[in-house]
């Protein structure tokens, strides 16, 4: 199996962590959606990352790929079987993908990507506004997290939210443990998992190899 993308992306990391949690091996191929190679476009016609090829089967989009991996490799389960729990798990994934990521993106763009990757000046006012914007979803998550996982057993819900928080960390942002103690403790639990640690080690290696 080949995965295309760059692990700085929370969407790419989501698939990488899911694969590691399931004990799957893969080849991670760096891919820039803004400068797509012909090989990448054959797998991802709309230049979306992550993308995957598994033999002659190709797929793009993190949710689609995780759904495919779950069906093909159901153990350990990352999507709960019980209907309400499954709905909640997908809900938290959507909170990550459509609420938290758009709210926090200006932090990463203006404090990491522009100054450290592209060599241009970031918009600090936009980054500060984003810090205020992420407060609402973070407060919601603080009220939802308990002493275990977001939805029963460890699931795509935990992977998705944690992957987004890790990307924000590249910009020097971190959870305010005094303001979000439950969420901070939960993130530490995620980060202690073997699958997460393997994915994090690989991410560090890929990033270093590209001069990060």
N, C-alpha and C. Protein backbone atom coordinates (compact mmCIF):
# COMPACT_ATOMS: atom_id res chain seq x y z
N UNK A 1 0.84 -1.20 0.00
CA UNK A 1 0.00 0.00 0.00
C UNK A 1 0.88 1.24 0.00
N UNK A 2 0.52 2.22 -0.83
CA UNK A 2 1.24 3.48 -0.90
C UNK A 2 0.33 4.60 -0.41
N UNK A 3 0.87 5.48 0.43
CA UNK A 3 0.15 6.66 0.89
C UNK A 3 0.87 7.89 0.36
N UNK A 4 0.10 8.82 -0.20
CA UNK A 4 0.67 10.02 -0.78
C UNK A 4 0.24 11.23 0.05
N UNK A 5 1.20 12.10 0.33
CA UNK A 5 0.90 13.31 1.08
C UNK A 5 2.09 13.73 1.90
N UNK A 6 1.88 14.67 2.79
CA UNK A 6 2.92 15.11 3.70
C UNK A 6 2.36 15.06 5.11
N UNK A 7 3.05 14.40 6.05
CA UNK A 7 2.44 14.15 7.36
C UNK A 7 2.17 15.38 8.21
N UNK A 8 2.68 16.56 7.81
CA UNK A 8 2.31 17.77 8.53
C UNK A 8 0.81 17.99 8.46
N UNK A 9 0.19 17.54 7.37
CA UNK A 9 -1.26 17.66 7.20
C UNK A 9 -1.98 16.78 8.21
N UNK A 10 -2.94 17.32 8.95
CA UNK A 10 -3.69 16.47 9.89
C UNK A 10 -4.49 15.38 9.17
N UNK A 11 -4.86 15.63 7.92
CA UNK A 11 -5.60 14.63 7.15
C UNK A 11 -4.70 13.45 6.79
N UNK A 12 -3.48 13.74 6.38
CA UNK A 12 -2.53 12.67 6.08
C UNK A 12 -2.19 11.91 7.36
N UNK A 13 -1.93 12.66 8.43
CA UNK A 13 -1.57 12.02 9.70
C UNK A 13 -2.69 11.10 10.18
N UNK A 14 -3.93 11.51 9.96
CA UNK A 14 -5.07 10.68 10.37
C UNK A 14 -4.97 9.28 9.78
N UNK A 15 -4.66 9.20 8.49
CA UNK A 15 -4.55 7.90 7.83
C UNK A 15 -3.32 7.15 8.31
N UNK A 16 -2.22 7.85 8.49
CA UNK A 16 -0.99 7.21 8.96
C UNK A 16 -1.21 6.58 10.34
N UNK A 17 -1.82 7.34 11.25
CA UNK A 17 -2.06 6.81 12.60
C UNK A 17 -3.03 5.64 12.55
N UNK A 18 -4.09 5.77 11.75
CA UNK A 18 -5.05 4.67 11.63
C UNK A 18 -4.36 3.41 11.12
N UNK A 19 -3.49 3.56 10.13
CA UNK A 19 -2.76 2.40 9.60
C UNK A 19 -1.86 1.80 10.66
N UNK A 20 -1.16 2.63 11.40
CA UNK A 20 -0.27 2.13 12.45
C UNK A 20 -1.06 1.45 13.56
N UNK A 21 -2.21 2.01 13.92
CA UNK A 21 -3.04 1.38 14.94
C UNK A 21 -3.49 -0.02 14.51
N UNK A 22 -3.67 -0.20 13.22
CA UNK A 22 -4.09 -1.49 12.69
C UNK A 22 -2.90 -2.40 12.35
N UNK A 23 -1.69 -1.91 12.57
CA UNK A 23 -0.52 -2.72 12.31
C UNK A 23 -0.22 -2.90 10.83
N UNK A 24 -0.64 -1.94 10.01
CA UNK A 24 -0.45 -2.05 8.57
C UNK A 24 0.85 -1.41 8.15
N UNK A 25 1.49 -2.00 7.15
CA UNK A 25 2.70 -1.43 6.58
C UNK A 25 2.34 -0.68 5.30
N UNK A 26 3.08 0.34 4.99
CA UNK A 26 2.80 1.17 3.83
C UNK A 26 4.08 1.91 3.45
N UNK A 27 4.07 2.46 2.26
CA UNK A 27 5.14 3.33 1.80
C UNK A 27 4.57 4.74 1.74
N UNK A 28 5.19 5.65 2.47
CA UNK A 28 4.72 7.03 2.48
C UNK A 28 5.49 7.81 1.43
N UNK A 29 4.78 8.34 0.45
CA UNK A 29 5.39 9.07 -0.66
C UNK A 29 5.03 10.54 -0.53
N UNK A 30 6.01 11.42 -0.25
CA UNK A 30 5.70 12.85 -0.15
C UNK A 30 5.05 13.36 -1.42
N UNK A 31 3.98 14.12 -1.27
CA UNK A 31 3.25 14.66 -2.41
C UNK A 31 2.77 16.06 -2.08
N UNK A 32 3.03 16.98 -2.99
CA UNK A 32 2.61 18.37 -2.83
C UNK A 32 1.40 18.62 -3.71
N UNK A 33 0.24 18.87 -3.14
CA UNK A 33 -0.96 19.07 -3.96
C UNK A 33 -0.88 20.31 -4.85
N UNK A 34 0.00 21.25 -4.50
CA UNK A 34 0.15 22.45 -5.32
C UNK A 34 1.11 22.25 -6.49
N UNK A 35 1.93 21.21 -6.41
CA UNK A 35 2.84 20.84 -7.49
C UNK A 35 2.76 19.33 -7.70
N UNK A 36 1.62 18.85 -8.16
CA UNK A 36 1.40 17.40 -8.23
C UNK A 36 2.20 16.74 -9.36
N UNK A 37 2.72 15.58 -9.04
CA UNK A 37 3.39 14.78 -10.06
C UNK A 37 2.34 14.00 -10.86
N UNK A 38 2.74 13.47 -12.00
CA UNK A 38 1.82 12.67 -12.80
C UNK A 38 1.38 11.43 -12.03
N UNK A 39 2.33 10.82 -11.31
CA UNK A 39 2.00 9.64 -10.52
C UNK A 39 0.93 9.96 -9.48
N UNK A 40 1.09 11.10 -8.80
CA UNK A 40 0.14 11.50 -7.77
C UNK A 40 -1.24 11.77 -8.36
N UNK A 41 -1.29 12.44 -9.51
CA UNK A 41 -2.58 12.77 -10.12
C UNK A 41 -3.32 11.53 -10.61
N UNK A 42 -2.60 10.46 -10.91
CA UNK A 42 -3.26 9.22 -11.29
C UNK A 42 -4.00 8.61 -10.11
N UNK A 43 -3.49 8.87 -8.92
CA UNK A 43 -4.10 8.34 -7.70
C UNK A 43 -5.14 9.32 -7.15
N UNK A 44 -4.85 10.62 -7.29
CA UNK A 44 -5.71 11.65 -6.72
C UNK A 44 -6.02 12.69 -7.80
N UNK A 45 -7.04 12.46 -8.62
CA UNK A 45 -7.30 13.33 -9.78
C UNK A 45 -7.61 14.77 -9.45
N UNK A 46 -8.06 15.04 -8.22
CA UNK A 46 -8.33 16.42 -7.81
C UNK A 46 -7.23 16.96 -6.90
N UNK A 47 -6.10 16.26 -6.86
CA UNK A 47 -4.91 16.68 -6.11
C UNK A 47 -5.19 16.82 -4.62
N UNK A 48 -6.00 15.91 -4.10
CA UNK A 48 -6.29 15.90 -2.66
C UNK A 48 -5.30 15.00 -1.94
N UNK A 49 -4.88 15.45 -0.75
CA UNK A 49 -4.08 14.59 0.12
C UNK A 49 -4.87 14.36 1.40
N UNK A 50 -4.74 13.13 1.93
CA UNK A 50 -3.93 12.02 1.44
C UNK A 50 -4.61 11.30 0.28
N UNK A 51 -3.78 10.50 -0.41
CA UNK A 51 -4.28 9.59 -1.42
C UNK A 51 -3.63 8.24 -1.17
N UNK A 52 -4.22 7.20 -1.72
CA UNK A 52 -3.74 5.85 -1.45
C UNK A 52 -3.86 5.00 -2.69
N UNK A 53 -2.89 4.11 -2.88
CA UNK A 53 -3.03 3.05 -3.88
C UNK A 53 -2.77 1.74 -3.17
N UNK A 54 -3.67 0.82 -3.33
CA UNK A 54 -3.56 -0.51 -2.73
C UNK A 54 -3.74 -1.51 -3.87
N UNK A 55 -2.61 -1.93 -4.45
CA UNK A 55 -2.69 -2.71 -5.67
C UNK A 55 -3.20 -1.83 -6.79
N UNK A 56 -4.27 -2.25 -7.44
CA UNK A 56 -4.83 -1.45 -8.54
C UNK A 56 -5.99 -0.57 -8.08
N UNK A 57 -6.21 -0.49 -6.75
CA UNK A 57 -7.29 0.33 -6.21
C UNK A 57 -6.74 1.64 -5.68
N UNK A 58 -7.31 2.76 -6.12
CA UNK A 58 -6.85 4.08 -5.70
C UNK A 58 -7.98 4.85 -5.03
N UNK A 59 -7.61 5.69 -4.08
CA UNK A 59 -8.62 6.43 -3.33
C UNK A 59 -7.96 7.67 -2.74
N UNK A 60 -8.71 8.76 -2.68
CA UNK A 60 -8.24 9.99 -2.04
C UNK A 60 -9.25 10.43 -1.00
N UNK A 61 -8.79 11.25 -0.06
CA UNK A 61 -9.57 11.80 1.06
C UNK A 61 -9.42 10.90 2.28
N UNK A 62 -9.10 11.53 3.41
CA UNK A 62 -8.79 10.77 4.62
C UNK A 62 -9.96 9.95 5.13
N UNK A 63 -11.15 10.52 5.12
CA UNK A 63 -12.32 9.77 5.60
C UNK A 63 -12.59 8.56 4.73
N UNK A 64 -12.49 8.72 3.42
CA UNK A 64 -12.71 7.60 2.50
C UNK A 64 -11.67 6.51 2.72
N UNK A 65 -10.41 6.91 2.89
CA UNK A 65 -9.34 5.92 3.06
C UNK A 65 -9.49 5.16 4.37
N UNK A 66 -9.78 5.88 5.45
CA UNK A 66 -9.95 5.19 6.74
C UNK A 66 -11.15 4.25 6.70
N UNK A 67 -12.22 4.65 6.04
CA UNK A 67 -13.38 3.79 5.89
C UNK A 67 -13.01 2.51 5.13
N UNK A 68 -12.22 2.66 4.08
CA UNK A 68 -11.75 1.50 3.31
C UNK A 68 -10.88 0.59 4.17
N UNK A 69 -9.93 1.17 4.90
CA UNK A 69 -9.05 0.37 5.75
C UNK A 69 -9.83 -0.36 6.84
N UNK A 70 -10.85 0.32 7.37
CA UNK A 70 -11.67 -0.30 8.41
C UNK A 70 -12.41 -1.51 7.88
N UNK A 71 -12.93 -1.41 6.66
CA UNK A 71 -13.66 -2.53 6.06
C UNK A 71 -12.72 -3.69 5.72
N UNK A 72 -11.53 -3.36 5.25
CA UNK A 72 -10.59 -4.40 4.83
C UNK A 72 -9.84 -5.00 6.00
N UNK A 73 -9.59 -4.19 7.02
CA UNK A 73 -8.83 -4.65 8.19
C UNK A 73 -9.61 -4.24 9.45
N UNK A 74 -10.67 -4.95 9.78
CA UNK A 74 -11.58 -4.50 10.84
C UNK A 74 -11.04 -4.59 12.26
N UNK A 75 -9.92 -5.27 12.46
CA UNK A 75 -9.40 -5.45 13.82
C UNK A 75 -8.02 -4.81 13.93
N UNK A 76 -7.82 -3.92 14.90
CA UNK A 76 -8.78 -3.39 15.87
C UNK A 76 -9.70 -2.35 15.23
N UNK A 77 -10.91 -2.30 15.70
CA UNK A 77 -11.90 -1.40 15.13
C UNK A 77 -11.61 0.04 15.50
N UNK A 78 -11.69 0.92 14.51
CA UNK A 78 -11.58 2.36 14.76
C UNK A 78 -12.92 3.07 14.54
N UNK A 79 -13.90 2.33 14.04
CA UNK A 79 -15.27 2.82 13.92
C UNK A 79 -16.16 1.93 14.80
N UNK A 80 -16.79 2.48 15.80
CA UNK A 80 -17.62 1.66 16.69
C UNK A 80 -18.75 0.95 15.94
N UNK A 81 -19.13 -0.21 16.41
CA UNK A 81 -20.20 -0.96 15.77
C UNK A 81 -21.58 -0.45 16.20
N UNK A 82 -21.71 -0.05 17.44
CA UNK A 82 -23.01 0.40 17.96
C UNK A 82 -23.41 1.69 17.22
N UNK A 83 -24.66 1.78 16.72
CA UNK A 83 -25.04 2.89 15.86
C UNK A 83 -24.80 4.29 16.43
N UNK A 84 -25.19 4.50 17.68
CA UNK A 84 -25.02 5.84 18.24
C UNK A 84 -23.54 6.16 18.43
N UNK A 85 -22.78 5.18 18.86
CA UNK A 85 -21.34 5.40 19.06
C UNK A 85 -20.66 5.68 17.73
N UNK A 86 -21.06 4.95 16.68
CA UNK A 86 -20.46 5.21 15.37
C UNK A 86 -20.80 6.61 14.88
N UNK A 87 -22.05 6.99 15.05
CA UNK A 87 -22.44 8.34 14.65
C UNK A 87 -21.65 9.40 15.40
N UNK A 88 -21.44 9.19 16.69
CA UNK A 88 -20.67 10.15 17.49
C UNK A 88 -19.22 10.20 17.05
N UNK A 89 -18.65 9.05 16.72
CA UNK A 89 -17.25 9.02 16.28
C UNK A 89 -17.08 9.82 14.99
N UNK A 90 -18.00 9.63 14.05
CA UNK A 90 -17.92 10.38 12.80
C UNK A 90 -18.18 11.87 13.05
N UNK A 91 -19.05 12.15 14.01
CA UNK A 91 -19.31 13.55 14.37
C UNK A 91 -18.03 14.24 14.83
N UNK A 92 -17.28 13.59 15.71
CA UNK A 92 -16.04 14.20 16.19
C UNK A 92 -15.01 14.33 15.06
N UNK A 93 -15.01 13.37 14.15
CA UNK A 93 -14.13 13.50 12.99
C UNK A 93 -14.51 14.75 12.19
N UNK A 94 -15.79 14.98 12.04
CA UNK A 94 -16.25 16.16 11.30
C UNK A 94 -15.96 17.45 12.06
N UNK A 95 -16.06 17.42 13.38
CA UNK A 95 -15.68 18.59 14.18
C UNK A 95 -14.22 18.94 13.89
N UNK A 96 -13.37 17.92 13.83
CA UNK A 96 -11.97 18.16 13.51
C UNK A 96 -11.80 18.71 12.10
N UNK A 97 -12.40 18.01 11.12
CA UNK A 97 -12.15 18.32 9.72
C UNK A 97 -12.81 19.61 9.25
N UNK A 98 -13.99 19.92 9.76
CA UNK A 98 -14.75 21.05 9.21
C UNK A 98 -14.92 22.22 10.17
N UNK A 99 -14.52 22.04 11.43
CA UNK A 99 -14.63 23.14 12.39
C UNK A 99 -13.26 23.54 12.93
N UNK A 100 -12.57 22.58 13.55
CA UNK A 100 -11.30 22.90 14.22
C UNK A 100 -10.19 23.24 13.22
N UNK A 101 -10.08 22.47 12.15
CA UNK A 101 -9.02 22.74 11.17
C UNK A 101 -9.21 24.09 10.48
N UNK A 102 -10.40 24.41 9.95
CA UNK A 102 -10.55 25.74 9.34
C UNK A 102 -10.32 26.89 10.33
N UNK A 103 -10.73 26.68 11.59
CA UNK A 103 -10.55 27.73 12.59
C UNK A 103 -9.07 27.95 12.89
N UNK A 104 -8.30 26.86 12.98
CA UNK A 104 -6.91 26.97 13.38
C UNK A 104 -5.92 27.12 12.25
N UNK A 105 -6.35 26.93 11.01
CA UNK A 105 -5.42 26.97 9.87
C UNK A 105 -4.59 28.25 9.80
N UNK A 106 -5.16 29.44 10.06
CA UNK A 106 -4.33 30.65 9.98
C UNK A 106 -3.16 30.66 10.97
N UNK A 107 -3.27 29.91 12.06
CA UNK A 107 -2.15 29.83 13.00
C UNK A 107 -0.97 29.13 12.33
N UNK A 108 -1.26 28.01 11.69
CA UNK A 108 -0.21 27.23 11.03
C UNK A 108 0.34 27.96 9.82
N UNK A 109 -0.55 28.54 9.03
CA UNK A 109 -0.14 29.24 7.81
C UNK A 109 0.77 30.42 8.14
N UNK A 110 0.39 31.22 9.13
CA UNK A 110 1.08 32.48 9.37
C UNK A 110 2.24 32.40 10.36
N UNK A 111 2.28 31.34 11.15
CA UNK A 111 3.38 31.22 12.10
C UNK A 111 4.34 30.09 11.77
N UNK A 112 3.96 29.26 10.80
CA UNK A 112 4.85 28.16 10.42
C UNK A 112 5.09 28.11 8.92
N UNK A 113 4.05 27.91 8.13
CA UNK A 113 4.24 27.69 6.70
C UNK A 113 4.88 28.90 6.01
N UNK A 114 4.31 30.07 6.21
CA UNK A 114 4.84 31.25 5.52
C UNK A 114 6.27 31.58 5.97
N UNK A 115 6.53 31.74 7.27
CA UNK A 115 7.89 32.15 7.65
C UNK A 115 8.94 31.04 7.54
N UNK A 116 8.57 29.77 7.81
CA UNK A 116 9.58 28.72 7.89
C UNK A 116 9.68 27.85 6.65
N UNK A 117 8.61 27.77 5.88
CA UNK A 117 8.63 26.93 4.69
C UNK A 117 8.75 27.78 3.42
N UNK A 118 7.94 28.85 3.33
CA UNK A 118 7.91 29.65 2.12
C UNK A 118 8.80 30.89 2.19
N UNK A 119 9.29 31.21 3.38
CA UNK A 119 10.19 32.35 3.51
C UNK A 119 9.51 33.69 3.32
N UNK A 120 8.23 33.77 3.65
CA UNK A 120 7.50 35.03 3.54
C UNK A 120 6.96 35.43 4.91
N UNK A 121 6.54 36.66 5.01
CA UNK A 121 6.05 37.16 6.30
C UNK A 121 4.62 36.70 6.55
N UNK A 122 4.38 36.24 7.77
CA UNK A 122 3.04 35.82 8.14
C UNK A 122 2.19 36.98 8.64
N UNK A 123 0.92 36.77 8.69
CA UNK A 123 -0.04 37.77 9.17
C UNK A 123 -0.36 37.43 10.62
N UNK A 124 0.32 38.12 11.54
CA UNK A 124 0.15 37.79 12.95
C UNK A 124 -1.25 38.12 13.45
N UNK A 125 -1.86 39.14 12.90
CA UNK A 125 -3.23 39.47 13.30
C UNK A 125 -4.19 38.34 12.97
N UNK A 126 -3.98 37.72 11.81
CA UNK A 126 -4.83 36.58 11.41
C UNK A 126 -4.59 35.39 12.33
N UNK A 127 -3.35 35.18 12.72
CA UNK A 127 -3.03 34.08 13.63
C UNK A 127 -3.68 34.30 15.00
N UNK A 128 -3.63 35.53 15.49
CA UNK A 128 -4.25 35.82 16.78
C UNK A 128 -5.76 35.67 16.73
N UNK A 129 -6.35 36.06 15.62
CA UNK A 129 -7.79 35.88 15.46
C UNK A 129 -8.15 34.41 15.45
N UNK A 130 -7.27 33.59 14.84
CA UNK A 130 -7.51 32.15 14.81
C UNK A 130 -7.42 31.53 16.20
N UNK A 131 -6.54 32.07 17.04
CA UNK A 131 -6.46 31.56 18.41
C UNK A 131 -7.78 31.77 19.13
N UNK A 132 -8.42 32.88 18.86
CA UNK A 132 -9.74 33.13 19.45
C UNK A 132 -10.78 32.20 18.83
N UNK A 133 -10.63 31.94 17.52
CA UNK A 133 -11.62 31.10 16.83
C UNK A 133 -11.58 29.65 17.31
N UNK A 134 -10.40 29.13 17.65
CA UNK A 134 -10.32 27.73 18.08
C UNK A 134 -10.84 27.55 19.50
N UNK A 135 -11.00 28.64 20.23
CA UNK A 135 -11.43 28.52 21.62
C UNK A 135 -12.81 27.87 21.74
N UNK A 136 -13.72 28.18 20.82
CA UNK A 136 -15.07 27.62 20.91
C UNK A 136 -15.08 26.11 20.71
N UNK A 137 -14.48 25.55 19.63
CA UNK A 137 -14.46 24.09 19.51
C UNK A 137 -13.67 23.41 20.63
N UNK A 138 -12.61 24.05 21.11
CA UNK A 138 -11.83 23.46 22.20
C UNK A 138 -12.65 23.41 23.48
N UNK A 139 -13.42 24.46 23.75
CA UNK A 139 -14.28 24.47 24.93
C UNK A 139 -15.33 23.36 24.82
N UNK A 140 -15.87 23.18 23.62
CA UNK A 140 -16.84 22.11 23.42
C UNK A 140 -16.20 20.75 23.69
N UNK A 141 -15.01 20.52 23.16
CA UNK A 141 -14.33 19.24 23.36
C UNK A 141 -13.96 19.02 24.82
N UNK A 142 -13.59 20.09 25.50
CA UNK A 142 -13.28 19.96 26.93
C UNK A 142 -14.50 19.46 27.70
N UNK A 143 -15.69 19.88 27.27
CA UNK A 143 -16.90 19.43 27.93
C UNK A 143 -17.32 18.02 27.55
N UNK A 144 -16.77 17.49 26.47
CA UNK A 144 -17.14 16.16 25.99
C UNK A 144 -16.18 15.07 26.44
N UNK A 145 -14.93 15.41 26.64
CA UNK A 145 -13.93 14.39 26.96
C UNK A 145 -14.06 13.99 28.43
N UNK A 146 -13.86 12.71 28.68
CA UNK A 146 -13.89 12.22 30.05
C UNK A 146 -12.52 11.74 30.45
N UNK A 147 -12.49 10.64 31.19
CA UNK A 147 -11.21 10.10 31.65
C UNK A 147 -10.69 9.01 30.72
N UNK A 148 -11.47 8.68 29.69
CA UNK A 148 -11.03 7.67 28.74
C UNK A 148 -10.90 8.27 27.36
N UNK A 149 -11.68 7.70 26.41
CA UNK A 149 -11.66 8.18 25.02
C UNK A 149 -12.94 8.92 24.71
N UNK A 150 -12.98 9.57 23.57
CA UNK A 150 -14.13 10.41 23.24
C UNK A 150 -15.41 9.61 23.06
N UNK A 151 -15.29 8.40 22.49
CA UNK A 151 -16.48 7.57 22.25
C UNK A 151 -16.15 6.13 22.63
N UNK A 152 -16.34 5.76 23.87
CA UNK A 152 -16.07 4.38 24.26
C UNK A 152 -14.61 4.02 24.09
N UNK A 153 -14.34 3.05 23.20
CA UNK A 153 -12.96 2.65 22.93
C UNK A 153 -12.28 3.68 22.03
N UNK A 154 -10.96 3.60 21.97
CA UNK A 154 -10.18 4.46 21.09
C UNK A 154 -10.70 4.34 19.67
N UNK A 155 -10.87 5.47 18.99
CA UNK A 155 -11.52 5.43 17.67
C UNK A 155 -11.01 6.55 16.78
N UNK A 156 -11.60 6.63 15.60
CA UNK A 156 -11.27 7.68 14.65
C UNK A 156 -11.56 9.05 15.24
N UNK A 157 -12.46 9.13 16.20
CA UNK A 157 -12.74 10.41 16.86
C UNK A 157 -11.49 10.94 17.54
N UNK A 158 -10.82 10.08 18.30
CA UNK A 158 -9.61 10.48 19.01
C UNK A 158 -8.48 10.80 18.04
N UNK A 159 -8.33 9.96 17.03
CA UNK A 159 -7.27 10.16 16.04
C UNK A 159 -7.43 11.52 15.36
N UNK A 160 -8.62 11.83 14.91
CA UNK A 160 -8.86 13.05 14.14
C UNK A 160 -8.55 14.31 14.94
N UNK A 161 -9.11 14.39 16.13
CA UNK A 161 -8.90 15.59 16.95
C UNK A 161 -7.42 15.72 17.32
N UNK A 162 -6.80 14.63 17.74
CA UNK A 162 -5.39 14.69 18.15
C UNK A 162 -4.48 15.08 16.99
N UNK A 163 -4.79 14.59 15.80
CA UNK A 163 -3.96 14.93 14.63
C UNK A 163 -4.01 16.42 14.34
N UNK A 164 -5.15 17.04 14.53
CA UNK A 164 -5.27 18.48 14.30
C UNK A 164 -4.49 19.26 15.34
N UNK A 165 -4.56 18.84 16.59
CA UNK A 165 -3.81 19.54 17.64
C UNK A 165 -2.31 19.42 17.42
N UNK A 166 -1.86 18.27 16.93
CA UNK A 166 -0.43 18.10 16.66
C UNK A 166 0.05 19.06 15.57
N UNK A 167 -0.75 19.23 14.52
CA UNK A 167 -0.35 20.16 13.47
C UNK A 167 -0.26 21.59 14.00
N UNK A 168 -1.18 21.99 14.85
CA UNK A 168 -1.11 23.32 15.46
C UNK A 168 0.18 23.49 16.26
N UNK A 169 0.68 22.39 16.81
CA UNK A 169 1.92 22.45 17.58
C UNK A 169 3.13 22.86 16.76
N UNK A 170 3.10 22.62 15.45
CA UNK A 170 4.21 23.03 14.60
C UNK A 170 4.36 24.55 14.58
N UNK A 171 3.30 25.26 14.87
CA UNK A 171 3.32 26.72 14.87
C UNK A 171 3.61 27.28 16.25
N UNK A 172 4.03 26.43 17.17
CA UNK A 172 4.35 26.87 18.51
C UNK A 172 3.14 26.97 19.43
N UNK A 173 1.99 26.53 18.94
CA UNK A 173 0.75 26.56 19.73
C UNK A 173 0.68 25.32 20.60
N UNK A 174 0.12 25.44 21.78
CA UNK A 174 -0.11 24.26 22.63
C UNK A 174 -1.37 24.47 23.44
N UNK A 175 -1.95 23.37 23.86
CA UNK A 175 -3.15 23.43 24.69
C UNK A 175 -2.85 24.12 26.02
N UNK A 176 -3.72 25.00 26.41
CA UNK A 176 -3.63 25.63 27.72
C UNK A 176 -4.16 24.62 28.75
N UNK A 177 -3.25 24.00 29.49
CA UNK A 177 -3.66 22.94 30.41
C UNK A 177 -4.53 23.45 31.55
N UNK A 178 -4.38 24.70 31.90
CA UNK A 178 -5.23 25.26 32.96
C UNK A 178 -6.65 25.48 32.44
N UNK A 179 -6.76 25.84 31.18
CA UNK A 179 -8.07 26.12 30.59
C UNK A 179 -8.75 24.85 30.10
N UNK A 180 -7.94 23.89 29.61
CA UNK A 180 -8.48 22.65 29.06
C UNK A 180 -7.80 21.43 29.70
N UNK A 181 -7.96 21.24 31.00
CA UNK A 181 -7.24 20.16 31.69
C UNK A 181 -7.65 18.77 31.21
N UNK A 182 -8.94 18.57 30.98
CA UNK A 182 -9.39 17.26 30.52
C UNK A 182 -8.88 16.93 29.14
N UNK A 183 -8.91 17.91 28.25
CA UNK A 183 -8.46 17.72 26.89
C UNK A 183 -6.95 17.49 26.85
N UNK A 184 -6.21 18.21 27.68
CA UNK A 184 -4.77 18.03 27.73
C UNK A 184 -4.40 16.63 28.23
N UNK A 185 -5.11 16.14 29.24
CA UNK A 185 -4.85 14.79 29.76
C UNK A 185 -5.21 13.75 28.71
N UNK A 186 -6.31 13.98 28.00
CA UNK A 186 -6.70 13.06 26.92
C UNK A 186 -5.64 13.02 25.82
N UNK A 187 -5.12 14.19 25.44
CA UNK A 187 -4.11 14.23 24.38
C UNK A 187 -2.86 13.46 24.81
N UNK A 188 -2.50 13.57 26.06
CA UNK A 188 -1.34 12.82 26.56
C UNK A 188 -1.59 11.31 26.45
N UNK A 189 -2.83 10.88 26.66
CA UNK A 189 -3.15 9.47 26.53
C UNK A 189 -3.02 9.01 25.08
N UNK A 190 -3.49 9.85 24.17
CA UNK A 190 -3.34 9.52 22.74
C UNK A 190 -1.87 9.42 22.38
N UNK A 191 -1.08 10.40 22.81
CA UNK A 191 0.33 10.46 22.45
C UNK A 191 1.14 9.31 23.03
N UNK A 192 0.61 8.65 24.05
CA UNK A 192 1.31 7.52 24.66
C UNK A 192 1.07 6.21 23.93
N UNK A 193 0.13 6.18 23.00
CA UNK A 193 -0.18 4.95 22.30
C UNK A 193 0.93 4.58 21.33
N UNK A 194 1.16 3.28 21.17
CA UNK A 194 2.23 2.81 20.31
C UNK A 194 2.02 3.24 18.86
N UNK A 195 0.79 3.13 18.36
CA UNK A 195 0.51 3.51 16.99
C UNK A 195 0.82 4.98 16.74
N UNK A 196 0.45 5.82 17.68
CA UNK A 196 0.71 7.25 17.56
C UNK A 196 2.22 7.51 17.57
N UNK A 197 2.93 6.85 18.46
CA UNK A 197 4.36 7.08 18.57
C UNK A 197 5.10 6.63 17.32
N UNK A 198 4.69 5.51 16.73
CA UNK A 198 5.32 5.06 15.49
C UNK A 198 5.07 6.06 14.37
N UNK A 199 3.85 6.56 14.29
CA UNK A 199 3.53 7.56 13.27
C UNK A 199 4.32 8.84 13.50
N UNK A 200 4.47 9.25 14.77
CA UNK A 200 5.21 10.47 15.09
C UNK A 200 6.68 10.33 14.74
N UNK A 201 7.25 9.17 15.01
CA UNK A 201 8.66 8.95 14.66
C UNK A 201 8.87 9.02 13.16
N UNK A 202 7.97 8.41 12.41
CA UNK A 202 8.06 8.45 10.95
C UNK A 202 7.90 9.88 10.44
N UNK A 203 7.01 10.61 11.03
CA UNK A 203 6.78 12.00 10.63
C UNK A 203 8.05 12.83 10.84
N UNK A 204 8.70 12.63 11.97
CA UNK A 204 9.93 13.35 12.25
C UNK A 204 11.00 13.03 11.21
N UNK A 205 11.11 11.77 10.84
CA UNK A 205 12.10 11.36 9.86
C UNK A 205 11.82 11.96 8.48
N UNK A 206 10.55 11.94 8.07
CA UNK A 206 10.19 12.50 6.77
C UNK A 206 10.45 13.99 6.74
N UNK A 207 10.07 14.66 7.80
CA UNK A 207 10.24 16.10 7.87
C UNK A 207 11.72 16.46 7.84
N UNK A 208 12.56 15.70 8.55
CA UNK A 208 14.00 15.97 8.57
C UNK A 208 14.61 15.74 7.19
N UNK A 209 14.13 14.71 6.51
CA UNK A 209 14.69 14.39 5.19
C UNK A 209 14.40 15.46 4.16
N UNK A 210 13.35 16.26 4.42
CA UNK A 210 12.99 17.33 3.49
C UNK A 210 13.50 18.69 3.94
N UNK A 211 14.38 18.63 4.95
CA UNK A 211 15.01 19.86 5.39
C UNK A 211 14.24 20.64 6.43
N UNK A 212 13.29 19.97 7.09
CA UNK A 212 12.49 20.67 8.09
C UNK A 212 13.20 20.77 9.42
